[in-house]
Amino acid sequence: MKDVRSTGRILSRLPVGATAVVARVSGARTTVRRLLEMGLVPGTAVTVQREAPLGDPIELRVRNYALSIRRAEAHGIEIE
């Protein structure tokens, strides 16, 4: 299995205001399932709206709604 962190194209590194497309979601099975259920499926555009003062969590715009996730969860989402 390819390590997402080695690519450098992960959601946790996307700056505020930037938009990208989800390529793959990886991590613990329960976490991946929950993220997919919330709409973070491959091919979906996501925009980083803002982040908390200490950097965690981050707020995303996905499918026309706001979604906040932990930076650790965003670290398992590969983007294009």
PDB file of N, CA and C in Angstrom:
ATOM      1  N   MET A   1       0.847  -1.188   0.000  1.00  0.00           N
ATOM      2  CA  MET A   1       0.000   0.000   0.000  1.00  0.00           C
ATOM      3  C   MET A   1       0.887   1.244   0.000  1.00  0.00           C
ATOM      4  N   LYS A   2       0.540   2.199  -0.835  1.00  0.00           N
ATOM      5  CA  LYS A   2       1.300   3.435  -0.953  1.00  0.00           C
ATOM      6  C   LYS A   2       1.039   4.336   0.258  1.00  0.00           C
ATOM      7  N   ASP A   3       2.089   4.907   0.820  1.00  0.00           N
ATOM      8  CA  ASP A   3       1.972   5.797   1.974  1.00  0.00           C
ATOM      9  C   ASP A   3       1.587   7.190   1.492  1.00  0.00           C
ATOM     10  N   VAL A   4       0.416   7.664   1.901  1.00  0.00           N
ATOM     11  CA  VAL A   4      -0.096   8.967   1.478  1.00  0.00           C
ATOM     12  C   VAL A   4       0.849  10.085   1.898  1.00  0.00           C
ATOM     13  N   ARG A   5       1.433   9.972   3.076  1.00  0.00           N
ATOM     14  CA  ARG A   5       2.285  11.043   3.590  1.00  0.00           C
ATOM     15  C   ARG A   5       3.527  11.280   2.741  1.00  0.00           C
ATOM     16  N   SER A   6       3.947  10.293   1.964  1.00  0.00           N
ATOM     17  CA  SER A   6       5.154  10.461   1.159  1.00  0.00           C
ATOM     18  C   SER A   6       4.904  11.279  -0.108  1.00  0.00           C
ATOM     19  N   THR A   7       3.643  11.454  -0.503  1.00  0.00           N
ATOM     20  CA  THR A   7       3.348  12.157  -1.753  1.00  0.00           C
ATOM     21  C   THR A   7       3.400  13.667  -1.605  1.00  0.00           C
ATOM     22  N   GLY A   8       3.124  14.186  -0.414  1.00  0.00           N
ATOM     23  CA  GLY A   8       3.102  15.632  -0.222  1.00  0.00           C
ATOM     24  C   GLY A   8       1.812  16.272  -0.663  1.00  0.00           C
ATOM     25  N   ARG A   9       0.931  15.528  -1.287  1.00  0.00           N
ATOM     26  CA  ARG A   9      -0.348  16.050  -1.758  1.00  0.00           C
ATOM     27  C   ARG A   9      -1.456  15.534  -0.848  1.00  0.00           C
ATOM     28  N   ILE A  10      -1.459  16.047   0.368  1.00  0.00           N
ATOM     29  CA  ILE A  10      -2.468  15.625   1.335  1.00  0.00           C
ATOM     30  C   ILE A  10      -3.279  16.832   1.797  1.00  0.00           C
ATOM     31  N   LEU A  11      -4.500  16.570   2.184  1.00  0.00           N
ATOM     32  CA  LEU A  11      -5.432  17.629   2.544  1.00  0.00           C
ATOM     33  C   LEU A  11      -4.952  18.459   3.724  1.00  0.00           C
ATOM     34  N   SER A  12      -4.259  17.862   4.661  1.00  0.00           N
ATOM     35  CA  SER A  12      -3.810  18.608   5.841  1.00  0.00           C
ATOM     36  C   SER A  12      -2.804  19.703   5.499  1.00  0.00           C
ATOM     37  N   ARG A  13      -2.182  19.636   4.325  1.00  0.00           N
ATOM     38  CA  ARG A  13      -1.199  20.644   3.904  1.00  0.00           C
ATOM     39  C   ARG A  13      -1.778  21.699   2.967  1.00  0.00           C
ATOM     40  N   LEU A  14      -3.049  21.584   2.626  1.00  0.00           N
ATOM     41  CA  LEU A  14      -3.685  22.532   1.726  1.00  0.00           C
ATOM     42  C   LEU A  14      -3.936  23.849   2.469  1.00  0.00           C
ATOM     43  N   PRO A  15      -3.532  24.985   1.917  1.00  0.00           N
ATOM     44  CA  PRO A  15      -3.720  26.262   2.620  1.00  0.00           C
ATOM     45  C   PRO A  15      -5.180  26.717   2.619  1.00  0.00           C
ATOM     46  N   VAL A  16      -5.505  27.595   3.536  1.00  0.00           N
ATOM     47  CA  VAL A  16      -6.858  28.150   3.639  1.00  0.00           C
ATOM     48  C   VAL A  16      -7.209  28.860   2.336  1.00  0.00           C
ATOM     49  N   GLY A  17      -8.396  28.594   1.818  1.00  0.00           N
ATOM     50  CA  GLY A  17      -8.857  29.202   0.577  1.00  0.00           C
ATOM     51  C   GLY A  17      -8.595  28.365  -0.660  1.00  0.00           C
ATOM     52  N   ALA A  18      -7.753  27.365  -0.558  1.00  0.00           N
ATOM     53  CA  ALA A  18      -7.414  26.531  -1.709  1.00  0.00           C
ATOM     54  C   ALA A  18      -8.440  25.417  -1.890  1.00  0.00           C
ATOM     55  N   THR A  19      -8.593  25.001  -3.144  1.00  0.00           N
ATOM     56  CA  THR A  19      -9.522  23.927  -3.493  1.00  0.00           C
ATOM     57  C   THR A  19      -8.748  22.798  -4.149  1.00  0.00           C
ATOM     58  N   ALA A  20      -9.154  21.565  -3.859  1.00  0.00           N
ATOM     59  CA  ALA A  20      -8.532  20.383  -4.447  1.00  0.00           C
ATOM     60  C   ALA A  20      -9.597  19.309  -4.613  1.00  0.00           C
ATOM     61  N   VAL A  21      -9.233  18.239  -5.274  1.00  0.00           N
ATOM     62  CA  VAL A  21     -10.136  17.108  -5.492  1.00  0.00           C
ATOM     63  C   VAL A  21      -9.603  15.913  -4.717  1.00  0.00           C
ATOM     64  N   VAL A  22     -10.488  15.243  -3.997  1.00  0.00           N
ATOM     65  CA  VAL A  22     -10.101  14.060  -3.234  1.00  0.00           C
ATOM     66  C   VAL A  22      -9.720  12.945  -4.199  1.00  0.00           C
ATOM     67  N   ALA A  23      -8.533  12.372  -3.987  1.00  0.00           N
ATOM     68  CA  ALA A  23      -8.074  11.263  -4.811  1.00  0.00           C
ATOM     69  C   ALA A  23      -8.272   9.928  -4.098  1.00  0.00           C
ATOM     70  N   ARG A  24      -7.952   9.912  -2.786  1.00  0.00           N
ATOM     71  CA  ARG A  24      -8.072   8.668  -2.020  1.00  0.00           C
ATOM     72  C   ARG A  24      -8.124   8.981  -0.544  1.00  0.00           C
ATOM     73  N   VAL A  25      -8.855   8.161   0.200  1.00  0.00           N
ATOM     74  CA  VAL A  25      -8.949   8.300   1.648  1.00  0.00           C
ATOM     75  C   VAL A  25      -8.346   7.044   2.265  1.00  0.00           C
ATOM     76  N   SER A  26      -7.397   7.237   3.184  1.00  0.00           N
ATOM     77  CA  SER A  26      -6.779   6.079   3.831  1.00  0.00           C
ATOM     78  C   SER A  26      -6.701   6.319   5.333  1.00  0.00           C
ATOM     79  N   GLY A  27      -6.437   5.258   6.054  1.00  0.00           N
ATOM     80  CA  GLY A  27      -6.346   5.326   7.510  1.00  0.00           C
ATOM     81  C   GLY A  27      -7.039   4.131   8.130  1.00  0.00           C
ATOM     82  N   ALA A  28      -7.448   4.302   9.379  1.00  0.00           N
ATOM     83  CA  ALA A  28      -8.163   3.240  10.069  1.00  0.00           C
ATOM     84  C   ALA A  28      -9.513   3.010   9.382  1.00  0.00           C
ATOM     85  N   ARG A  29      -9.911   1.775   9.314  1.00  0.00           N
ATOM     86  CA  ARG A  29     -11.135   1.411   8.600  1.00  0.00           C
ATOM     87  C   ARG A  29     -12.355   2.212   9.069  1.00  0.00           C
ATOM     88  N   THR A  30     -12.509   2.379  10.372  1.00  0.00           N
ATOM     89  CA  THR A  30     -13.675   3.110  10.884  1.00  0.00           C
ATOM     90  C   THR A  30     -13.607   4.592  10.519  1.00  0.00           C
ATOM     91  N   THR A  31     -12.412   5.155  10.542  1.00  0.00           N
ATOM     92  CA  THR A  31     -12.245   6.564  10.173  1.00  0.00           C
ATOM     93  C   THR A  31     -12.534   6.768   8.698  1.00  0.00           C
ATOM     94  N   VAL A  32     -12.003   5.896   7.862  1.00  0.00           N
ATOM     95  CA  VAL A  32     -12.232   5.999   6.413  1.00  0.00           C
ATOM     96  C   VAL A  32     -13.721   5.897   6.110  1.00  0.00           C
ATOM     97  N   ARG A  33     -14.380   4.953   6.730  1.00  0.00           N
ATOM     98  CA  ARG A  33     -15.816   4.781   6.490  1.00  0.00           C
ATOM     99  C   ARG A  33     -16.587   6.050   6.873  1.00  0.00           C
ATOM    100  N   ARG A  34     -16.262   6.627   8.036  1.00  0.00           N
ATOM    101  CA  ARG A  34     -16.948   7.830   8.495  1.00  0.00           C
ATOM    102  C   ARG A  34     -16.704   9.003   7.542  1.00  0.00           C
ATOM    103  N   LEU A  35     -15.468   9.177   7.084  1.00  0.00           N
ATOM    104  CA  LEU A  35     -15.155  10.269   6.159  1.00  0.00           C
ATOM    105  C   LEU A  35     -15.879  10.090   4.825  1.00  0.00           C
ATOM    106  N   LEU A  36     -15.940   8.859   4.335  1.00  0.00           N
ATOM    107  CA  LEU A  36     -16.661   8.595   3.092  1.00  0.00           C
ATOM    108  C   LEU A  36     -18.148   8.879   3.257  1.00  0.00           C
ATOM    109  N   GLU A  37     -18.715   8.502   4.404  1.00  0.00           N
ATOM    110  CA  GLU A  37     -20.133   8.770   4.670  1.00  0.00           C
ATOM    111  C   GLU A  37     -20.425  10.261   4.742  1.00  0.00           C
ATOM    112  N   MET A  38     -19.437  11.060   5.144  1.00  0.00           N
ATOM    113  CA  MET A  38     -19.623  12.512   5.230  1.00  0.00           C
ATOM    114  C   MET A  38     -19.402  13.204   3.887  1.00  0.00           C
ATOM    115  N   GLY A  39     -19.105  12.443   2.846  1.00  0.00           N
ATOM    116  CA  GLY A  39     -19.010  13.025   1.514  1.00  0.00           C
ATOM    117  C   GLY A  39     -17.613  13.186   0.962  1.00  0.00           C
ATOM    118  N   LEU A  40     -16.597  12.776   1.694  1.00  0.00           N
ATOM    119  CA  LEU A  40     -15.221  12.902   1.203  1.00  0.00           C
ATOM    120  C   LEU A  40     -14.851  11.678   0.364  1.00  0.00           C
ATOM    121  N   VAL A  41     -15.533  11.531  -0.752  1.00  0.00           N
ATOM    122  CA  VAL A  41     -15.291  10.408  -1.652  1.00  0.00           C
ATOM    123  C   VAL A  41     -14.392  10.861  -2.803  1.00  0.00           C
ATOM    124  N   PRO A  42     -13.633   9.941  -3.388  1.00  0.00           N
ATOM    125  CA  PRO A  42     -12.773  10.320  -4.518  1.00  0.00           C
ATOM    126  C   PRO A  42     -13.562  11.010  -5.628  1.00  0.00           C
ATOM    127  N   GLY A  43     -12.981  12.088  -6.148  1.00  0.00           N
ATOM    128  CA  GLY A  43     -13.611  12.876  -7.198  1.00  0.00           C
ATOM    129  C   GLY A  43     -14.369  14.094  -6.697  1.00  0.00           C
ATOM    130  N   THR A  44     -14.489  14.226  -5.382  1.00  0.00           N
ATOM    131  CA  THR A  44     -15.221  15.344  -4.783  1.00  0.00           C
ATOM    132  C   THR A  44     -14.289  16.529  -4.549  1.00  0.00           C
ATOM    133  N   ALA A  45     -14.746  17.720  -4.926  1.00  0.00           N
ATOM    134  CA  ALA A  45     -13.964  18.939  -4.687  1.00  0.00           C
ATOM    135  C   ALA A  45     -14.134  19.375  -3.234  1.00  0.00           C
ATOM    136  N   VAL A  46     -13.033  19.775  -2.605  1.00  0.00           N
ATOM    137  CA  VAL A  46     -13.060  20.284  -1.232  1.00  0.00           C
ATOM    138  C   VAL A  46     -12.284  21.590  -1.180  1.00  0.00           C
ATOM    139  N   THR A  47     -12.779  22.533  -0.378  1.00  0.00           N
ATOM    140  CA  THR A  47     -12.115  23.811  -0.168  1.00  0.00           C
ATOM    141  C   THR A  47     -11.861  23.972   1.315  1.00  0.00           C
ATOM    142  N   VAL A  48     -10.648  24.386   1.677  1.00  0.00           N
ATOM    143  CA  VAL A  48     -10.348  24.662   3.071  1.00  0.00           C
ATOM    144  C   VAL A  48     -10.882  26.053   3.373  1.00  0.00           C
ATOM    145  N   GLN A  49     -11.903  26.136   4.225  1.00  0.00           N
ATOM    146  CA  GLN A  49     -12.534  27.403   4.558  1.00  0.00           C
ATOM    147  C   GLN A  49     -11.748  28.160   5.625  1.00  0.00           C
ATOM    148  N   ARG A  50     -11.396  27.473   6.701  1.00  0.00           N
ATOM    149  CA  ARG A  50     -10.632  28.088   7.783  1.00  0.00           C
ATOM    150  C   ARG A  50     -10.117  27.003   8.708  1.00  0.00           C
ATOM    151  N   GLU A  51      -9.238  27.420   9.616  1.00  0.00           N
ATOM    152  CA  GLU A  51      -8.732  26.485  10.613  1.00  0.00           C
ATOM    153  C   GLU A  51      -8.767  27.154  11.980  1.00  0.00           C
ATOM    154  N   ALA A  52      -8.837  26.328  13.007  1.00  0.00           N
ATOM    155  CA  ALA A  52      -8.884  26.838  14.375  1.00  0.00           C
ATOM    156  C   ALA A  52      -7.567  27.543  14.702  1.00  0.00           C
ATOM    157  N   PRO A  53      -7.563  28.417  15.707  1.00  0.00           N
ATOM    158  CA  PRO A  53      -6.351  29.166  16.057  1.00  0.00           C
ATOM    159  C   PRO A  53      -5.107  28.297  16.283  1.00  0.00           C
ATOM    160  N   LEU A  54      -5.274  27.132  16.841  1.00  0.00           N
ATOM    161  CA  LEU A  54      -4.128  26.244  17.055  1.00  0.00           C
ATOM    162  C   LEU A  54      -3.944  25.257  15.904  1.00  0.00           C
ATOM    163  N   GLY A  55      -4.728  25.410  14.826  1.00  0.00           N
ATOM    164  CA  GLY A  55      -4.558  24.582  13.637  1.00  0.00           C
ATOM    165  C   GLY A  55      -5.396  23.317  13.603  1.00  0.00           C
ATOM    166  N   ASP A  56      -6.156  23.045  14.630  1.00  0.00           N
ATOM    167  CA  ASP A  56      -6.931  21.809  14.662  1.00  0.00           C
ATOM    168  C   ASP A  56      -8.244  22.056  15.371  1.00  0.00           C
ATOM    169  N   PRO A  57      -9.389  21.836  14.802  1.00  0.00           N
ATOM    170  CA  PRO A  57      -9.675  21.199  13.517  1.00  0.00           C
ATOM    171  C   PRO A  57      -9.624  22.191  12.356  1.00  0.00           C
ATOM    172  N   ILE A  58      -9.870  21.643  11.154  1.00  0.00           N
ATOM    173  CA  ILE A  58      -9.970  22.487   9.971  1.00  0.00           C
ATOM    174  C   ILE A  58     -11.394  22.384   9.431  1.00  0.00           C
ATOM    175  N   GLU A  59     -11.885  23.484   8.873  1.00  0.00           N
ATOM    176  CA  GLU A  59     -13.236  23.495   8.307  1.00  0.00           C
ATOM    177  C   GLU A  59     -13.135  23.415   6.793  1.00  0.00           C
ATOM    178  N   LEU A  60     -13.874  22.475   6.220  1.00  0.00           N
ATOM    179  CA  LEU A  60     -13.878  22.250   4.781  1.00  0.00           C
ATOM    180  C   LEU A  60     -15.241  22.589   4.212  1.00  0.00           C
ATOM    181  N   ARG A  61     -15.253  22.923   2.945  1.00  0.00           N
ATOM    182  CA  ARG A  61     -16.507  23.085   2.205  1.00  0.00           C
ATOM    183  C   ARG A  61     -16.581  21.895   1.259  1.00  0.00           C
ATOM    184  N   VAL A  62     -17.559  21.013   1.507  1.00  0.00           N
ATOM    185  CA  VAL A  62     -17.710  19.784   0.727  1.00  0.00           C
ATOM    186  C   VAL A  62     -19.163  19.677   0.291  1.00  0.00           C
ATOM    187  N   ARG A  63     -19.390  19.539  -1.003  1.00  0.00           N
ATOM    188  CA  ARG A  63     -20.750  19.345  -1.523  1.00  0.00           C
ATOM    189  C   ARG A  63     -21.739  20.378  -0.966  1.00  0.00           C
ATOM    190  N   ASN A  64     -21.302  21.600  -0.902  1.00  0.00           N
ATOM    191  CA  ASN A  64     -22.132  22.734  -0.490  1.00  0.00           C
ATOM    192  C   ASN A  64     -22.530  22.719   0.986  1.00  0.00           C
ATOM    193  N   TYR A  65     -21.718  22.113   1.846  1.00  0.00           N
ATOM    194  CA  TYR A  65     -21.925  22.218   3.289  1.00  0.00           C
ATOM    195  C   TYR A  65     -20.575  22.297   3.986  1.00  0.00           C
ATOM    196  N   ALA A  66     -20.596  22.792   5.224  1.00  0.00           N
ATOM    197  CA  ALA A  66     -19.359  22.934   6.003  1.00  0.00           C
ATOM    198  C   ALA A  66     -19.116  21.662   6.798  1.00  0.00           C
ATOM    199  N   LEU A  67     -17.874  21.201   6.798  1.00  0.00           N
ATOM    200  CA  LEU A  67     -17.475  19.987   7.497  1.00  0.00           C
ATOM    201  C   LEU A  67     -16.180  20.271   8.241  1.00  0.00           C
ATOM    202  N   SER A  68     -16.153  20.004   9.524  1.00  0.00           N
ATOM    203  CA  SER A  68     -14.931  20.165  10.313  1.00  0.00           C
ATOM    204  C   SER A  68     -14.369  18.794  10.656  1.00  0.00           C
ATOM    205  N   ILE A  69     -13.073  18.626  10.384  1.00  0.00           N
ATOM    206  CA  ILE A  69     -12.405  17.367  10.708  1.00  0.00           C
ATOM    207  C   ILE A  69     -11.071  17.668  11.386  1.00  0.00           C
ATOM    208  N   ARG A  70     -10.556  16.690  12.073  1.00  0.00           N
ATOM    209  CA  ARG A  70      -9.255  16.833  12.720  1.00  0.00           C
ATOM    210  C   ARG A  70      -8.152  16.835  11.662  1.00  0.00           C
ATOM    211  N   ARG A  71      -7.082  17.514  11.964  1.00  0.00           N
ATOM    212  CA  ARG A  71      -5.953  17.558  11.040  1.00  0.00           C
ATOM    213  C   ARG A  71      -5.391  16.148  10.813  1.00  0.00           C
ATOM    214  N   ALA A  72      -5.404  15.308  11.846  1.00  0.00           N
ATOM    215  CA  ALA A  72      -4.915  13.928  11.713  1.00  0.00           C
ATOM    216  C   ALA A  72      -5.760  13.147  10.701  1.00  0.00           C
ATOM    217  N   GLU A  73      -7.052  13.404  10.662  1.00  0.00           N
ATOM    218  CA  GLU A  73      -7.917  12.745   9.679  1.00  0.00           C
ATOM    219  C   GLU A  73      -7.627  13.289   8.282  1.00  0.00           C
ATOM    220  N   ALA A  74      -7.409  14.599   8.173  1.00  0.00           N
ATOM    221  CA  ALA A  74      -7.087  15.216   6.894  1.00  0.00           C
ATOM    222  C   ALA A  74      -5.751  14.724   6.351  1.00  0.00           C
ATOM    223  N   HIS A  75      -4.880  14.277   7.245  1.00  0.00           N
ATOM    224  CA  HIS A  75      -3.569  13.773   6.845  1.00  0.00           C
ATOM    225  C   HIS A  75      -3.687  12.460   6.056  1.00  0.00           C
ATOM    226  N   GLY A  76      -4.798  11.766   6.203  1.00  0.00           N
ATOM    227  CA  GLY A  76      -5.017  10.505   5.463  1.00  0.00           C
ATOM    228  C   GLY A  76      -5.774  10.678   4.161  1.00  0.00           C
ATOM    229  N   ILE A  77      -6.017  11.931   3.742  1.00  0.00           N
ATOM    230  CA  ILE A  77      -6.767  12.183   2.518  1.00  0.00           C
ATOM    231  C   ILE A  77      -5.828  12.709   1.454  1.00  0.00           C
ATOM    232  N   GLU A  78      -5.623  11.920   0.421  1.00  0.00           N
ATOM    233  CA  GLU A  78      -4.765  12.301  -0.691  1.00  0.00           C
ATOM    234  C   GLU A  78      -5.576  13.146  -1.667  1.00  0.00           C
ATOM    235  N   ILE A  79      -4.970  14.229  -2.180  1.00  0.00           N
ATOM    236  CA  ILE A  79      -5.672  15.142  -3.086  1.00  0.00           C
ATOM    237  C   ILE A  79      -4.943  15.266  -4.419  1.00  0.00           C
ATOM    238  N   GLU A  80      -5.678  15.766  -5.395  1.00  0.00           N
ATOM    239  CA  GLU A  80      -5.104  16.031  -6.729  1.00  0.00           C
ATOM    240  C   GLU A  80      -5.084  17.523  -6.954  1.00  0.00           C
TER     241      GLU A  80
END
